[in-house]
C-alpha atoms as a PDB file:
ATOM      1  CA  MET A   1     155.889 106.975  82.079  1.00  0.00           C
ATOM      2  CA  GLY A   2     154.326 108.812  85.038  1.00  0.00           C
ATOM      3  CA  LYS A   3     151.229 106.829  84.872  1.00  0.00           C
ATOM      4  CA  LEU A   4     153.151 103.545  84.725  1.00  0.00           C
ATOM      5  CA  LEU A   5     155.258 104.559  87.788  1.00  0.00           C
ATOM      6  CA  ILE A   6     152.049 105.507  89.807  1.00  0.00           C
ATOM      7  CA  GLY A   7     150.440 102.162  88.695  1.00  0.00           C
ATOM      8  CA  LEU A   8     153.459 100.141  89.796  1.00  0.00           C
ATOM      9  CA  ILE A   9     153.612 102.031  93.179  1.00  0.00           C
ATOM     10  CA  ILE A  10     149.908 101.297  93.708  1.00  0.00           C
ATOM     11  CA  ILE A  11     150.453  97.592  92.923  1.00  0.00           C
ATOM     12  CA  ILE A  12     153.366  97.396  95.308  1.00  0.00           C
ATOM     13  CA  ILE A  13     151.336  99.075  98.103  1.00  0.00           C
ATOM     14  CA  ILE A  14     148.322  96.746  97.486  1.00  0.00           C
ATOM     15  CA  LEU A  15     150.585  93.640  97.486  1.00  0.00           C
ATOM     16  CA  GLY A  16     152.403  94.856 100.591  1.00  0.00           C
ATOM     17  CA  ALA A  17     149.163  95.381 102.454  1.00  0.00           C
ATOM     18  CA  PHE A  18     147.844  91.984 101.354  1.00  0.00           C
ATOM     19  CA  PHE A  19     150.977  90.144 102.651  1.00  0.00           C
ATOM     20  CA  TYR A  20     151.079  92.212 105.846  1.00  0.00           C
ATOM     21  CA  PHE A  21     147.436  91.468 106.728  1.00  0.00           C
ATOM     22  CA  GLN A  22     147.781  87.796 105.701  1.00  0.00           C
ATOM     23  CA  LYS A  23     150.712  87.287 108.041  1.00  0.00           C
ATOM     24  CA  THR A  24     149.046  89.091 110.961  1.00  0.00           C
ATOM     25  CA  ASP A  25     145.849  86.951 110.558  1.00  0.00           C
ATOM     26  CA  SER A  26     147.625  83.616 110.354  1.00  0.00           C
ATOM     27  CA  SER A  27     149.847  84.270 113.320  1.00  0.00           C
ATOM     28  CA  LYS A  28     146.860  85.477 115.334  1.00  0.00           C
ATOM     29  CA  ASN A  29     144.897  82.206 114.447  1.00  0.00           C
ATOM     30  CA  ILE A  30     147.943  80.115 115.456  1.00  0.00           C
ATOM     31  CA  SER A  31     148.438  81.836 118.726  1.00  0.00           C
ATOM     32  CA  ASP A  32     144.708  81.959 119.555  1.00  0.00           C
ATOM     33  CA  ASN A  33     144.415  78.202 118.990  1.00  0.00           C
ATOM     34  CA  GLN A  34     147.449  77.000 120.875  1.00  0.00           C
ATOM     35  CA  ILE A  35     146.683  75.730 124.309  1.00  0.00           C
ATOM     36  CA  THR A  36     149.514  74.404 126.269  1.00  0.00           C
ATOM     37  CA  GLU A  37     149.357  71.481 128.758  1.00  0.00           C
ATOM     38  CA  GLU A  38     149.946  74.063 131.515  1.00  0.00           C
ATOM     39  CA  ASP A  39     147.076  76.259 130.231  1.00  0.00           C
ATOM     40  CA  GLN A  40     144.799  73.185 130.235  1.00  0.00           C
ATOM     41  CA  LEU A  41     145.857  72.332 133.770  1.00  0.00           C
ATOM     42  CA  VAL A  42     145.119  75.873 135.044  1.00  0.00           C
ATOM     43  CA  GLN A  43     141.630  75.522 133.349  1.00  0.00           C
ATOM     44  CA  ASN A  44     141.061  72.204 135.222  1.00  0.00           C
ATOM     45  CA  ILE A  45     142.159  73.798 138.506  1.00  0.00           C
ATOM     46  CA  ASN A  46     139.653  76.701 137.938  1.00  0.00           C
ATOM     47  CA  GLN A  47     136.843  74.251 137.382  1.00  0.00           C
ATOM     48  CA  PRO A  48     134.634  73.989 140.563  1.00  0.00           C
ATOM     49  CA  ASN A  49     134.740  70.139 140.662  1.00  0.00           C
ATOM     50  CA  SER A  50     138.423  69.652 140.024  1.00  0.00           C
ATOM     51  CA  ASN A  51     141.136  68.983 142.718  1.00  0.00           C
ATOM     52  CA  ILE A  52     144.881  68.701 142.629  1.00  0.00           C
ATOM     53  CA  ILE A  53     147.280  66.480 144.486  1.00  0.00           C
ATOM     54  CA  GLU A  54     150.939  67.168 143.918  1.00  0.00           C
ATOM     55  CA  PHE A  55     153.692  64.591 144.300  1.00  0.00           C
ATOM     56  CA  THR A  56     156.758  66.331 145.938  1.00  0.00           C
ATOM     57  CA  ASP A  57     159.919  65.501 147.783  1.00  0.00           C
ATOM     58  CA  SER A  58     157.792  64.990 150.916  1.00  0.00           C
ATOM     59  CA  GLY A  59     155.152  62.756 149.174  1.00  0.00           C
ATOM     60  CA  TYR A  60     151.547  63.520 148.104  1.00  0.00           C
ATOM     61  CA  SER A  61     150.276  66.885 149.068  1.00  0.00           C
ATOM     62  CA  PRO A  62     147.767  67.194 150.400  1.00  0.00           C
ATOM     63  CA  SER A  63     147.880  63.695 151.825  1.00  0.00           C
ATOM     64  CA  THR A  64     144.179  63.807 152.646  1.00  0.00           C
ATOM     65  CA  LEU A  65     141.642  65.329 150.309  1.00  0.00           C
ATOM     66  CA  THR A  66     137.841  65.624 150.832  1.00  0.00           C
ATOM     67  CA  ILE A  67     135.783  65.870 147.663  1.00  0.00           C
ATOM     68  CA  LYS A  68     132.270  65.352 146.454  1.00  0.00           C
ATOM     69  CA  LYS A  69     130.949  62.390 144.474  1.00  0.00           C
ATOM     70  CA  GLY A  70     131.564  63.045 140.775  1.00  0.00           C
ATOM     71  CA  ASP A  71     134.647  65.329 141.394  1.00  0.00           C
ATOM     72  CA  THR A  72     137.921  64.784 139.473  1.00  0.00           C
ATOM     73  CA  VAL A  73     141.238  64.601 141.205  1.00  0.00           C
ATOM     74  CA  THR A  74     144.418  65.372 139.252  1.00  0.00           C
ATOM     75  CA  PHE A  75     147.721  63.977 140.424  1.00  0.00           C
ATOM     76  CA  ILE A  76     150.724  65.999 139.217  1.00  0.00           C
ATOM     77  CA  ASN A  77     154.243  64.862 139.555  1.00  0.00           C
ATOM     78  CA  LYS A  78     156.454  67.812 140.748  1.00  0.00           C
ATOM     79  CA  GLN A  79     159.687  66.003 141.325  1.00  0.00           C
ATOM     80  CA  ASN A  80     162.330  64.153 139.294  1.00  0.00           C
ATOM     81  CA  SER A  81     161.450  60.654 140.378  1.00  0.00           C
ATOM     82  CA  LEU A  82     158.464  58.751 138.833  1.00  0.00           C
ATOM     83  CA  THR A  83     155.161  58.464 140.801  1.00  0.00           C
ATOM     84  CA  TRP A  84     152.400  55.962 139.942  1.00  0.00           C
ATOM     85  CA  PRO A  85     149.295  56.882 141.881  1.00  0.00           C
ATOM     86  CA  ALA A  86     146.796  54.027 142.320  1.00  0.00           C
ATOM     87  CA  SER A  87     144.272  52.689 144.600  1.00  0.00           C
ATOM     88  CA  ALA A  88     145.426  50.861 147.728  1.00  0.00           C
ATOM     89  CA  ILE A  89     146.336  48.038 148.476  1.00  0.00           C
ATOM     90  CA  HIS A  90     149.825  47.445 147.171  1.00  0.00           C
ATOM     91  CA  PRO A  91     150.451  45.744 144.827  1.00  0.00           C
ATOM     92  CA  THR A  92     146.857  44.733 143.632  1.00  0.00           C
ATOM     93  CA  HIS A  93     145.253  48.154 143.634  1.00  0.00           C
ATOM     94  CA  THR A  94     141.859  46.631 144.376  1.00  0.00           C
ATOM     95  CA  VAL A  95     140.441  48.766 147.286  1.00  0.00           C
ATOM     96  CA  TYR A  96     138.579  51.261 144.980  1.00  0.00           C
ATOM     97  CA  PRO A  97     135.492  49.449 143.463  1.00  0.00           C
ATOM     98  CA  ARG A  98     136.287  47.681 140.177  1.00  0.00           C
ATOM     99  CA  SER A  99     139.965  48.739 140.272  1.00  0.00           C
ATOM    100  CA  ASP A 100     142.672  46.168 139.711  1.00  0.00           C
ATOM    101  CA  ILE A 101     146.206  46.473 138.428  1.00  0.00           C
ATOM    102  CA  LYS A 102     145.338  43.487 136.088  1.00  0.00           C
ATOM    103  CA  LYS A 103     143.064  45.912 134.132  1.00  0.00           C
ATOM    104  CA  CYS A 104     146.045  48.162 133.212  1.00  0.00           C
ATOM    105  CA  GLY A 105     146.493  47.897 129.482  1.00  0.00           C
ATOM    106  CA  THR A 106     142.932  46.755 128.798  1.00  0.00           C
ATOM    107  CA  LEU A 107     139.721  48.571 127.641  1.00  0.00           C
ATOM    108  CA  GLU A 108     138.809  48.950 131.332  1.00  0.00           C
ATOM    109  CA  GLU A 109     141.963  50.956 132.207  1.00  0.00           C
ATOM    110  CA  SER A 110     140.168  54.385 131.936  1.00  0.00           C
ATOM    111  CA  GLN A 111     137.572  53.281 134.549  1.00  0.00           C
ATOM    112  CA  ILE A 112     139.964  52.326 137.363  1.00  0.00           C
ATOM    113  CA  PHE A 113     141.766  54.350 139.968  1.00  0.00           C
ATOM    114  CA  ASP A 114     145.286  53.616 138.626  1.00  0.00           C
ATOM    115  CA  ALA A 115     147.597  55.611 136.501  1.00  0.00           C
ATOM    116  CA  CYS A 116     148.962  52.247 135.167  1.00  0.00           C
ATOM    117  CA  LYS A 117     152.360  53.814 134.744  1.00  0.00           C
ATOM    118  CA  GLY A 118     154.968  56.042 136.284  1.00  0.00           C
ATOM    119  CA  LEU A 119     154.432  59.748 135.702  1.00  0.00           C
ATOM    120  CA  GLU A 120     157.484  61.805 134.685  1.00  0.00           C
ATOM    121  CA  LYS A 121     158.049  65.233 136.309  1.00  0.00           C
ATOM    122  CA  GLY A 122     155.281  67.588 134.979  1.00  0.00           C
ATOM    123  CA  GLU A 123     152.974  64.700 133.909  1.00  0.00           C
ATOM    124  CA  SER A 124     149.525  64.371 135.400  1.00  0.00           C
ATOM    125  CA  TYR A 125     146.805  61.633 135.896  1.00  0.00           C
ATOM    126  CA  SER A 126     143.178  62.464 136.514  1.00  0.00           C
ATOM    127  CA  PHE A 127     140.471  60.215 137.837  1.00  0.00           C
ATOM    128  CA  THR A 128     136.814  61.063 138.595  1.00  0.00           C
ATOM    129  CA  PHE A 129     135.515  59.538 141.967  1.00  0.00           C
ATOM    130  CA  ASN A 130     131.922  58.267 141.581  1.00  0.00           C
ATOM    131  CA  GLU A 131     131.916  56.056 144.666  1.00  0.00           C
ATOM    132  CA  ILE A 132     131.196  57.554 148.162  1.00  0.00           C
ATOM    133  CA  GLY A 133     133.673  56.363 150.766  1.00  0.00           C
ATOM    134  CA  THR A 134     137.226  56.778 152.075  1.00  0.00           C
ATOM    135  CA  TRP A 135     139.751  55.616 149.565  1.00  0.00           C
ATOM    136  CA  ASN A 136     143.443  55.120 150.407  1.00  0.00           C
ATOM    137  CA  TYR A 137     145.922  55.326 147.555  1.00  0.00           C
ATOM    138  CA  HIS A 138     149.683  54.869 147.217  1.00  0.00           C
ATOM    139  CA  ASN A 139     152.553  55.263 144.880  1.00  0.00           C
ATOM    140  CA  HIS A 140     153.056  51.899 143.284  1.00  0.00           C
ATOM    141  CA  LEU A 141     156.716  52.617 142.733  1.00  0.00           C
ATOM    142  CA  SER A 142     157.369  53.463 146.395  1.00  0.00           C
ATOM    143  CA  ALA A 143     154.503  52.153 148.491  1.00  0.00           C
ATOM    144  CA  GLY A 144     155.456  54.152 151.492  1.00  0.00           C
ATOM    145  CA  ASN A 145     154.043  57.304 149.737  1.00  0.00           C
ATOM    146  CA  LYS A 146     150.337  57.216 150.611  1.00  0.00           C
ATOM    147  CA  GLY A 147     147.227  59.377 150.835  1.00  0.00           C
ATOM    148  CA  THR A 148     143.507  59.305 151.345  1.00  0.00           C
ATOM    149  CA  ILE A 149     140.648  60.687 149.366  1.00  0.00           C
ATOM    150  CA  ILE A 150     137.310  60.986 151.126  1.00  0.00           C
ATOM    151  CA  VAL A 151     134.411  61.200 148.735  1.00  0.00           C
ATOM    152  CA  GLN A 152     131.072  62.492 150.257  1.00  0.00           C
END
């Protein structure tokens, strides 16, 4: 009877240790692999060729941004109303080369300076500027909100 009890205790300890380490490993893997949208945004901010423009109650901030050719700009909506950043000129969005609102919803959409939709609070839109020049942009939903990106 004593050997049976000792054997049973050993089995319980082994099973307990197995389940304990199994749970610890799986929760560790889940938390290590989870990257939130906010974490991704922080990573983008920390990249040397990434720039942030926020849409706030007072409009786009900064309203003028100077970057290098090949840099990416991320527009982030920080307020409750929608914003739709796009190349000037309202309403066609054709100032930045090869951009045109008519390309929204097509295969060319990812290549134009146009979010092609209103961004909700917390949403972002990124665009990489590969053309040197001074590029005006606006909020398609409220054209009085404007800004300038200078690409050197």
